[in-house]
């Protein structure tokens, strides 16, 4: 019997709210597991929350300084042996296409040195991978998994913003990408988006004006206008123009959105970019941190019939790009001291060895250390993109 196919078939036949129950039953039967748990990372990416029906009765697990958190950070299985009970708990990453959703924990009876067989670990990881795909699909039809991601109640504006986002990370052979918003449970108007085809990766980073519902509505309008233009096959310039017209048509110039628009040509590393009054871009190349200077153009929706002209630059294998909103470098300490560009460069340098999906969370934690625990005056957004270089498997690399 093809076990992964059997698992996938069982998950697809299950009701959306029952898929974890199905995978738990499968693992219990195959491996005589004592406990099977699913922990999903919360919106702030600081806690792993147990999936269970409300009201919750079990505490969350910290991402940092915990065994499940170690597996989440490394994206590798991590085993914890309990000699007194002769059990091992295996923590396995639940991720899909680079998007880190959470951890599957499985407690097994073991003997000897406490290490499960390699075949058992492989099968458990295949189960976790199958579950990850089904969780993403099931979220369309059940709130069970979305509820498990929140450590506290979201504001309505934050609910709207999180539903707008593509995910928190993604990866392909050519790149790895991660992004995070803070404060996670009370977002104002910052947002990000991405989409990839065979040859192109489109990335947008937006810094919206205003607060609360008005800011969320403005961002929703702009992001969906950009998606509408992108999905119609329009050029990057025309995408910016259409979104600009949509925002101006709705608000007459009273509200606008600062946005960075990128198109990465995956087979060559050529980057087309439009800086519509946007967040800043930093590059780390061969250990050197530098800000990429772009020609600032009008924010989306500020004036009627704005013409946007793209610029171009090249990325090299090993480059890291960081897109950072003004909520980071304009953040004030309790004493009124601004988070300086030098401090930002130091933070970028200190995270250079971390994978791209982990960088935004760590940088925002360092910012929180500067800003203090009081309420934030603005959103803070960090996106990190690691460019690995063109893939030998891309269509254009074979001359097609």
Protein backbone atom coordinates (compact mmCIF):
# COMPACT_ATOMS: atom_id res chain seq x y z
CA UNK A 1 0.00 0.00 0.00
CA UNK A 2 1.24 3.47 -0.89
CA UNK A 3 1.02 5.00 2.56
CA UNK A 4 1.29 8.72 1.72
CA UNK A 5 -1.40 8.35 -0.96
CA UNK A 6 -3.65 6.55 1.52
CA UNK A 7 -3.14 9.36 4.05
CA UNK A 8 -3.85 12.05 1.49
CA UNK A 9 -6.99 10.23 0.34
CA UNK A 10 -8.25 9.93 3.91
CA UNK A 11 -7.65 13.64 4.53
CA UNK A 12 -9.39 14.70 1.34
CA UNK A 13 -12.45 12.64 2.18
CA UNK A 14 -12.72 14.14 5.69
CA UNK A 15 -14.80 17.16 6.63
CA UNK A 16 -12.56 20.27 6.92
CA UNK A 17 -12.88 20.48 10.72
CA UNK A 18 -12.04 16.77 11.08
CA UNK A 19 -8.75 16.53 9.17
CA UNK A 20 -6.61 16.64 12.33
CA UNK A 21 -8.77 13.94 13.92
CA UNK A 22 -8.18 11.82 10.81
CA UNK A 23 -4.39 12.24 10.82
CA UNK A 24 -4.28 11.55 14.55
CA UNK A 25 -6.22 8.31 14.07
CA UNK A 26 -3.92 7.25 11.22
CA UNK A 27 -0.76 7.87 13.26
CA UNK A 28 -2.17 6.14 16.33
CA UNK A 29 -3.00 3.05 14.27
CA UNK A 30 0.26 2.91 12.33
CA UNK A 31 2.70 3.70 15.11
CA UNK A 32 0.74 3.03 18.32
CA UNK A 33 1.25 6.68 19.25
CA UNK A 34 0.26 7.66 22.77
CA UNK A 35 -0.33 11.34 22.02
CA UNK A 36 -0.70 13.28 18.74
CA UNK A 37 -0.88 17.09 18.92
CA UNK A 38 -1.11 19.85 16.33
CA UNK A 39 0.31 23.25 17.32
CA UNK A 40 -0.14 26.23 14.99
CA UNK A 41 2.00 29.37 15.19
CA UNK A 42 0.11 32.50 16.25
CA UNK A 43 -0.06 35.73 14.27
CA UNK A 44 2.82 37.28 16.21
CA UNK A 45 4.93 34.14 15.59
CA UNK A 46 5.85 33.93 19.28
CA UNK A 47 3.62 31.04 20.42
CA UNK A 48 2.55 27.62 19.19
CA UNK A 49 -1.14 27.17 19.94
CA UNK A 50 -2.85 23.76 20.40
CA UNK A 51 -5.64 23.06 17.94
CA UNK A 52 -8.81 22.34 19.90
CA UNK A 53 -12.42 23.44 20.04
CA UNK A 54 -13.16 26.66 21.95
CA UNK A 55 -12.87 27.39 24.83
CA UNK A 56 -9.17 26.43 24.96
CA UNK A 57 -8.01 24.48 27.99
CA UNK A 58 -4.29 23.96 27.24
CA UNK A 59 -1.59 26.63 27.34
CA UNK A 60 0.39 27.73 24.30
CA UNK A 61 4.05 26.81 23.90
CA UNK A 62 6.66 29.54 23.27
CA UNK A 63 8.37 29.45 19.89
CA UNK A 64 11.64 30.31 21.62
CA UNK A 65 13.19 28.07 24.27
CA UNK A 66 10.92 25.07 23.71
CA UNK A 67 11.31 21.69 22.01
CA UNK A 68 8.47 22.30 19.51
CA UNK A 69 9.92 25.76 18.85
CA UNK A 70 13.29 24.20 18.02
CA UNK A 71 11.67 22.07 15.31
CA UNK A 72 9.72 25.11 14.08
CA UNK A 73 12.86 27.24 13.80
CA UNK A 74 15.08 24.60 12.18
CA UNK A 75 12.30 23.10 10.04
CA UNK A 76 13.72 19.70 10.93
CA UNK A 77 12.24 16.93 13.15
CA UNK A 78 13.33 17.18 16.77
CA UNK A 79 13.09 14.24 19.22
CA UNK A 80 12.81 14.46 23.02
CA UNK A 81 13.44 11.20 24.92
CA UNK A 82 11.79 10.60 28.29
CA UNK A 83 13.84 7.80 29.85
CA UNK A 84 11.55 7.37 32.89
CA UNK A 85 8.50 6.75 30.68
CA UNK A 86 10.38 5.00 27.84
CA UNK A 87 8.79 7.42 25.36
CA UNK A 88 10.03 9.78 22.70
CA UNK A 89 8.09 12.80 21.50
CA UNK A 90 8.84 13.72 17.89
CA UNK A 91 8.16 17.31 16.81
CA UNK A 92 7.75 17.70 13.05
CA UNK A 93 7.38 20.90 10.99
CA UNK A 94 3.97 21.42 9.39
CA UNK A 95 4.84 23.58 6.39
CA UNK A 96 3.77 23.94 2.77
CA UNK A 97 5.94 25.50 0.04
CA UNK A 98 8.02 27.26 2.65
CA UNK A 99 5.07 28.66 4.61
CA UNK A 100 5.57 27.61 8.25
CA UNK A 101 2.21 26.75 9.79
CA UNK A 102 3.16 24.93 12.96
CA UNK A 103 4.29 21.66 14.51
CA UNK A 104 2.94 18.10 14.70
CA UNK A 105 3.89 16.43 17.99
CA UNK A 106 3.81 12.61 18.25
CA UNK A 107 4.65 10.67 21.44
CA UNK A 108 5.82 7.08 20.84
CA UNK A 109 6.79 4.14 23.05
CA UNK A 110 10.47 3.35 22.38
CA UNK A 111 13.23 1.19 23.78
CA UNK A 112 17.01 1.23 23.69
CA UNK A 113 18.46 4.65 22.97
CA UNK A 114 15.06 6.24 22.46
CA UNK A 115 15.57 7.02 18.77
CA UNK A 116 12.65 6.06 16.48
CA UNK A 117 13.53 4.22 13.29
CA UNK A 118 14.38 6.38 10.29
CA UNK A 119 11.43 4.84 8.42
CA UNK A 120 9.09 5.93 11.23
CA UNK A 121 10.41 9.50 11.16
CA UNK A 122 10.05 9.61 7.37
CA UNK A 123 6.46 8.38 7.53
CA UNK A 124 5.57 10.87 10.27
CA UNK A 125 7.04 13.73 8.26
CA UNK A 126 5.03 12.64 5.22
CA UNK A 127 1.93 12.72 7.40
CA UNK A 128 2.84 16.23 8.59
CA UNK A 129 3.39 17.38 5.01
CA UNK A 130 0.03 15.98 3.89
CA UNK A 131 -1.67 17.63 6.86
CA UNK A 132 -0.09 21.00 6.01
CA UNK A 133 -1.60 21.03 2.53
CA UNK A 134 -5.03 20.11 3.87
CA UNK A 135 -4.95 22.76 6.62
CA UNK A 136 -4.39 25.44 3.98
CA UNK A 137 -7.35 24.15 1.95
CA UNK A 138 -9.59 23.56 4.99
CA UNK A 139 -9.21 27.17 6.18
CA UNK A 140 -11.60 28.18 3.41
CA UNK A 141 -14.40 26.20 5.02
CA UNK A 142 -13.76 26.12 8.77
CA UNK A 143 -12.55 28.59 11.42
CA UNK A 144 -10.95 25.86 13.57
CA UNK A 145 -7.39 26.45 12.39
CA UNK A 146 -7.66 30.24 12.11
CA UNK A 147 -8.96 30.40 15.69
CA UNK A 148 -5.97 28.38 16.87
CA UNK A 149 -3.57 30.95 15.42
CA UNK A 150 -4.69 33.82 17.66
CA UNK A 151 -3.25 34.16 21.13
CA UNK A 152 -5.60 37.09 21.75
CA UNK A 153 -8.51 38.69 19.98
CA UNK A 154 -7.75 40.52 16.73
CA UNK A 155 -9.11 43.99 16.09
CA UNK A 156 -11.50 44.07 13.14
CA UNK A 157 -8.90 45.98 11.10
CA UNK A 158 -6.28 43.32 11.85
CA UNK A 159 -8.75 40.57 10.87
CA UNK A 160 -9.23 42.28 7.50
CA UNK A 161 -5.49 42.73 6.98
CA UNK A 162 -4.47 39.15 7.86
CA UNK A 163 -7.11 37.74 5.52
CA UNK A 164 -5.58 39.84 2.75
CA UNK A 165 -2.06 38.42 3.10
CA UNK A 166 -0.72 35.52 0.99
CA UNK A 167 1.06 33.86 3.92
CA UNK A 168 4.10 34.58 6.09
CA UNK A 169 6.76 32.85 4.01
CA UNK A 170 7.31 30.95 0.77
CA UNK A 171 10.24 29.43 -1.07
CA UNK A 172 11.36 28.07 -4.41
CA UNK A 173 14.71 27.05 -5.83
CA UNK A 174 15.40 30.65 -6.85
CA UNK A 175 14.41 32.46 -3.64
CA UNK A 176 13.21 32.27 -0.06
CA UNK A 177 10.84 34.91 1.28
CA UNK A 178 9.42 35.84 4.68
CA UNK A 179 7.46 38.77 6.12
CA UNK A 180 5.89 39.87 9.39
CA UNK A 181 3.63 42.66 10.64
CA UNK A 182 3.54 44.21 14.09
CA UNK A 183 1.59 44.81 16.21
CA UNK A 184 0.11 41.53 14.97
CA UNK A 185 -3.24 41.89 16.73
CA UNK A 186 -3.92 45.56 15.96
CA UNK A 187 -2.57 46.30 12.48
CA UNK A 188 -3.11 49.74 10.95
CA UNK A 189 -2.47 49.95 7.18
CA UNK A 190 0.75 48.11 6.30
CA UNK A 191 0.54 45.09 4.03
CA UNK A 192 2.48 42.87 1.65
CA UNK A 193 1.69 40.55 -1.23
CA UNK A 194 3.47 38.17 -3.58
CA UNK A 195 2.76 35.87 -6.49
CA UNK A 196 5.02 33.73 -8.67
CA UNK A 197 4.75 32.23 -12.15
CA UNK A 198 7.25 30.13 -14.08
CA UNK A 199 9.44 33.15 -14.89
CA UNK A 200 8.36 35.99 -12.59
CA UNK A 201 7.99 36.77 -8.91
CA UNK A 202 5.83 39.81 -8.12
CA UNK A 203 6.24 41.39 -4.68
CA UNK A 204 4.48 44.44 -3.24
CA UNK A 205 5.02 46.13 0.11
CA UNK A 206 2.56 48.83 1.16
CA UNK A 207 2.52 51.44 3.92
CA UNK A 208 -1.03 52.78 4.16
CA UNK A 209 -2.12 55.98 5.85
CA UNK A 210 -4.66 56.23 8.64
CA UNK A 211 -5.78 53.87 11.38
CA UNK A 212 -8.32 51.16 12.03
CA UNK A 213 -11.06 50.25 9.59
CA UNK A 214 -10.34 53.19 7.24
CA UNK A 215 -6.71 52.10 6.87
CA UNK A 216 -7.73 48.47 6.31
CA UNK A 217 -10.30 49.43 3.66
CA UNK A 218 -7.74 51.59 1.85
CA UNK A 219 -5.18 48.78 1.83
CA UNK A 220 -7.77 46.23 0.68
CA UNK A 221 -8.76 48.47 -2.22
CA UNK A 222 -5.17 49.03 -3.35
CA UNK A 223 -4.00 45.42 -2.98
CA UNK A 224 -7.00 44.03 -4.82
CA UNK A 225 -6.58 46.61 -7.60
CA UNK A 226 -2.94 45.52 -7.97
CA UNK A 227 -3.98 41.86 -8.04
CA UNK A 228 -6.68 42.57 -10.60
CA UNK A 229 -4.17 44.26 -12.89
CA UNK A 230 -1.51 41.58 -12.35
CA UNK A 231 -3.95 38.77 -13.10
CA UNK A 232 -4.97 40.55 -16.30
CA UNK A 233 -1.35 40.28 -17.45
CA UNK A 234 -0.63 44.02 -17.30
CA UNK A 235 2.89 45.41 -16.99
CA UNK A 236 4.23 46.60 -13.65
CA UNK A 237 3.71 50.24 -14.71
CA UNK A 238 0.10 49.55 -15.67
CA UNK A 239 -0.48 47.69 -12.40
CA UNK A 240 0.61 50.79 -10.51
CA UNK A 241 -1.52 53.06 -12.73
CA UNK A 242 -4.65 50.96 -12.29
CA UNK A 243 -4.27 50.85 -8.50
CA UNK A 244 -3.54 54.58 -8.47
CA UNK A 245 -6.76 55.28 -10.42
CA UNK A 246 -8.79 52.99 -8.17
CA UNK A 247 -7.64 54.72 -4.97
CA UNK A 248 -7.94 58.22 -6.45
CA UNK A 249 -11.39 57.41 -7.87
CA UNK A 250 -12.59 56.35 -4.43
CA UNK A 251 -10.92 59.02 -2.28
CA UNK A 252 -10.15 61.93 -4.64
CA UNK A 253 -6.59 62.32 -3.33
CA UNK A 254 -7.58 62.56 0.35
CA UNK A 255 -6.09 59.12 1.07
CA UNK A 256 -3.11 57.43 -0.51
CA UNK A 257 -0.85 54.43 -0.17
CA UNK A 258 2.95 54.31 -0.30
CA UNK A 259 3.91 51.14 -2.16
CA UNK A 260 6.92 49.28 -3.53
CA UNK A 261 6.21 47.12 -6.58
CA UNK A 262 8.73 44.53 -7.78
CA UNK A 263 8.95 42.07 -10.63
CA UNK A 264 11.84 39.61 -10.30
CA UNK A 265 12.68 37.83 -13.56
CA UNK A 266 13.60 34.43 -12.15
CA UNK A 267 15.76 33.08 -15.02
CA UNK A 268 18.05 36.15 -15.07
CA UNK A 269 17.83 37.98 -11.73
CA UNK A 270 16.75 41.21 -13.40
CA UNK A 271 14.52 43.27 -11.11
CA UNK A 272 11.97 45.83 -12.25
CA UNK A 273 10.82 48.15 -9.48
CA UNK A 274 8.49 51.09 -8.98
CA UNK A 275 8.90 53.17 -5.84
CA UNK A 276 5.53 54.82 -5.25
CA UNK A 277 6.58 56.82 -2.18
CA UNK A 278 7.38 53.57 -0.51
CA UNK A 279 9.04 51.69 2.36
CA UNK A 280 12.83 51.47 2.16
CA UNK A 281 14.91 48.71 0.57
CA UNK A 282 18.17 47.40 2.00
CA UNK A 283 20.59 44.92 0.44
CA UNK A 284 23.13 42.63 2.06
CA UNK A 285 25.74 41.57 -0.51
CA UNK A 286 28.92 39.74 0.50
CA UNK A 287 28.52 40.97 4.07
CA UNK A 288 28.02 44.64 3.14
CA UNK A 289 24.76 46.30 4.25
CA UNK A 290 23.58 49.17 2.04
CA UNK A 291 20.36 50.97 1.27
CA UNK A 292 19.21 50.78 -2.35
CA UNK A 293 18.43 54.27 -3.55
CA UNK A 294 15.29 54.42 -5.70
CA UNK A 295 13.57 57.28 -7.50
CA UNK A 296 10.54 58.10 -5.35
CA UNK A 297 7.36 58.59 -7.36
CA UNK A 298 3.86 59.63 -6.26
CA UNK A 299 2.07 57.35 -3.74
CA UNK A 300 -0.90 55.45 -5.13
CA UNK A 301 -4.03 57.60 -5.16
CA UNK A 302 -2.38 60.95 -4.40
CA UNK A 303 -3.12 62.56 -7.78
CA UNK A 304 -5.07 61.73 -10.90
CA UNK A 305 -3.53 59.92 -13.90
CA UNK A 306 -0.03 59.52 -12.47
CA UNK A 307 2.41 57.86 -14.87
CA UNK A 308 4.77 55.38 -13.20
CA UNK A 309 8.18 54.63 -14.69
CA UNK A 310 10.02 51.47 -13.59
CA UNK A 311 13.68 51.26 -12.65
CA UNK A 312 15.92 48.19 -13.01
CA UNK A 313 18.71 46.54 -11.06
CA UNK A 314 20.20 43.04 -10.83
CA UNK A 315 20.29 40.60 -7.94
CA UNK A 316 23.17 38.18 -7.52
CA UNK A 317 23.15 34.73 -5.95
CA UNK A 318 23.59 35.20 -2.19
CA UNK A 319 21.94 38.65 -2.09
CA UNK A 320 19.51 39.42 0.70
CA UNK A 321 16.92 42.18 0.23
CA UNK A 322 14.97 43.68 3.12
CA UNK A 323 11.88 45.84 2.72
CA UNK A 324 11.21 47.91 5.83
CA UNK A 325 8.35 50.27 6.62
CA UNK A 326 8.71 53.63 8.37
CA UNK A 327 7.10 52.11 11.47
CA UNK A 328 10.50 50.47 12.06
CA UNK A 329 13.03 53.23 11.47
CA UNK A 330 10.75 56.00 12.83
CA UNK A 331 9.87 54.10 16.02
CA UNK A 332 10.55 56.04 19.23
CA UNK A 333 11.85 54.76 22.54
CA UNK A 334 9.96 55.67 25.75
CA UNK A 335 12.43 58.55 26.06
CA UNK A 336 11.67 59.83 22.54
CA UNK A 337 14.84 58.51 20.83
CA UNK A 338 14.29 57.43 17.22
CA UNK A 339 15.34 53.93 16.16
CA UNK A 340 18.36 55.04 14.12
CA UNK A 341 19.47 53.78 10.73
CA UNK A 342 22.67 52.61 12.42
CA UNK A 343 20.64 50.44 14.81
CA UNK A 344 18.67 49.11 11.85
CA UNK A 345 21.87 48.25 9.96
CA UNK A 346 23.18 46.50 13.08
CA UNK A 347 19.97 44.46 13.30
CA UNK A 348 20.23 43.51 9.63
CA UNK A 349 23.81 42.41 10.12
CA UNK A 350 23.08 40.43 13.29
CA UNK A 351 20.42 38.35 11.52
CA UNK A 352 22.50 37.60 8.41
CA UNK A 353 22.90 33.89 9.24
CA UNK A 354 19.18 33.27 9.85
CA UNK A 355 16.95 31.93 7.07
CA UNK A 356 14.72 34.54 5.45
CA UNK A 357 11.44 33.42 7.12
CA UNK A 358 12.97 33.93 10.60
CA UNK A 359 14.55 37.33 9.98
CA UNK A 360 11.43 39.59 10.15
CA UNK A 361 10.33 38.18 13.52
CA UNK A 362 13.79 38.60 15.07
CA UNK A 363 14.22 42.14 13.73
CA UNK A 364 10.82 43.16 15.05
CA UNK A 365 11.67 41.68 18.44
CA UNK A 366 14.79 43.86 18.54
CA UNK A 367 12.65 46.86 17.61
CA UNK A 368 10.28 46.03 20.47
CA UNK A 369 13.27 46.11 22.82
CA UNK A 370 13.91 49.69 21.67
CA UNK A 371 10.28 50.83 21.62
CA UNK A 372 9.20 49.25 24.89
CA UNK A 373 6.00 47.42 25.72
CA UNK A 374 3.61 50.35 25.30
CA UNK A 375 1.19 50.69 22.38
CA UNK A 376 2.80 51.25 18.98
CA UNK A 377 2.23 54.55 17.20
CA UNK A 378 2.38 52.87 13.78
CA UNK A 379 2.64 49.52 12.02
CA UNK A 380 6.03 47.92 11.58
CA UNK A 381 6.60 45.69 8.56
CA UNK A 382 9.72 43.72 7.64
CA UNK A 383 10.04 41.52 4.58
CA UNK A 384 13.19 39.52 3.80
CA UNK A 385 14.02 37.96 0.42
CA UNK A 386 17.05 35.71 -0.11
CA UNK A 387 18.00 35.34 -3.77
CA UNK A 388 19.59 31.94 -4.44
CA UNK A 389 20.07 32.43 -8.18
CA UNK A 390 18.30 31.15 -11.31
CA UNK A 391 17.13 27.56 -11.22
CA UNK A 392 18.49 25.16 -13.83
CA UNK A 393 14.96 23.76 -14.09
CA UNK A 394 13.22 27.02 -15.06
CA UNK A 395 11.71 27.01 -18.57
CA UNK A 396 13.79 29.94 -19.81
CA UNK A 397 17.06 28.33 -18.69
CA UNK A 398 16.51 25.65 -21.34
CA UNK A 399 15.90 28.19 -24.06
CA UNK A 400 12.13 27.81 -24.19
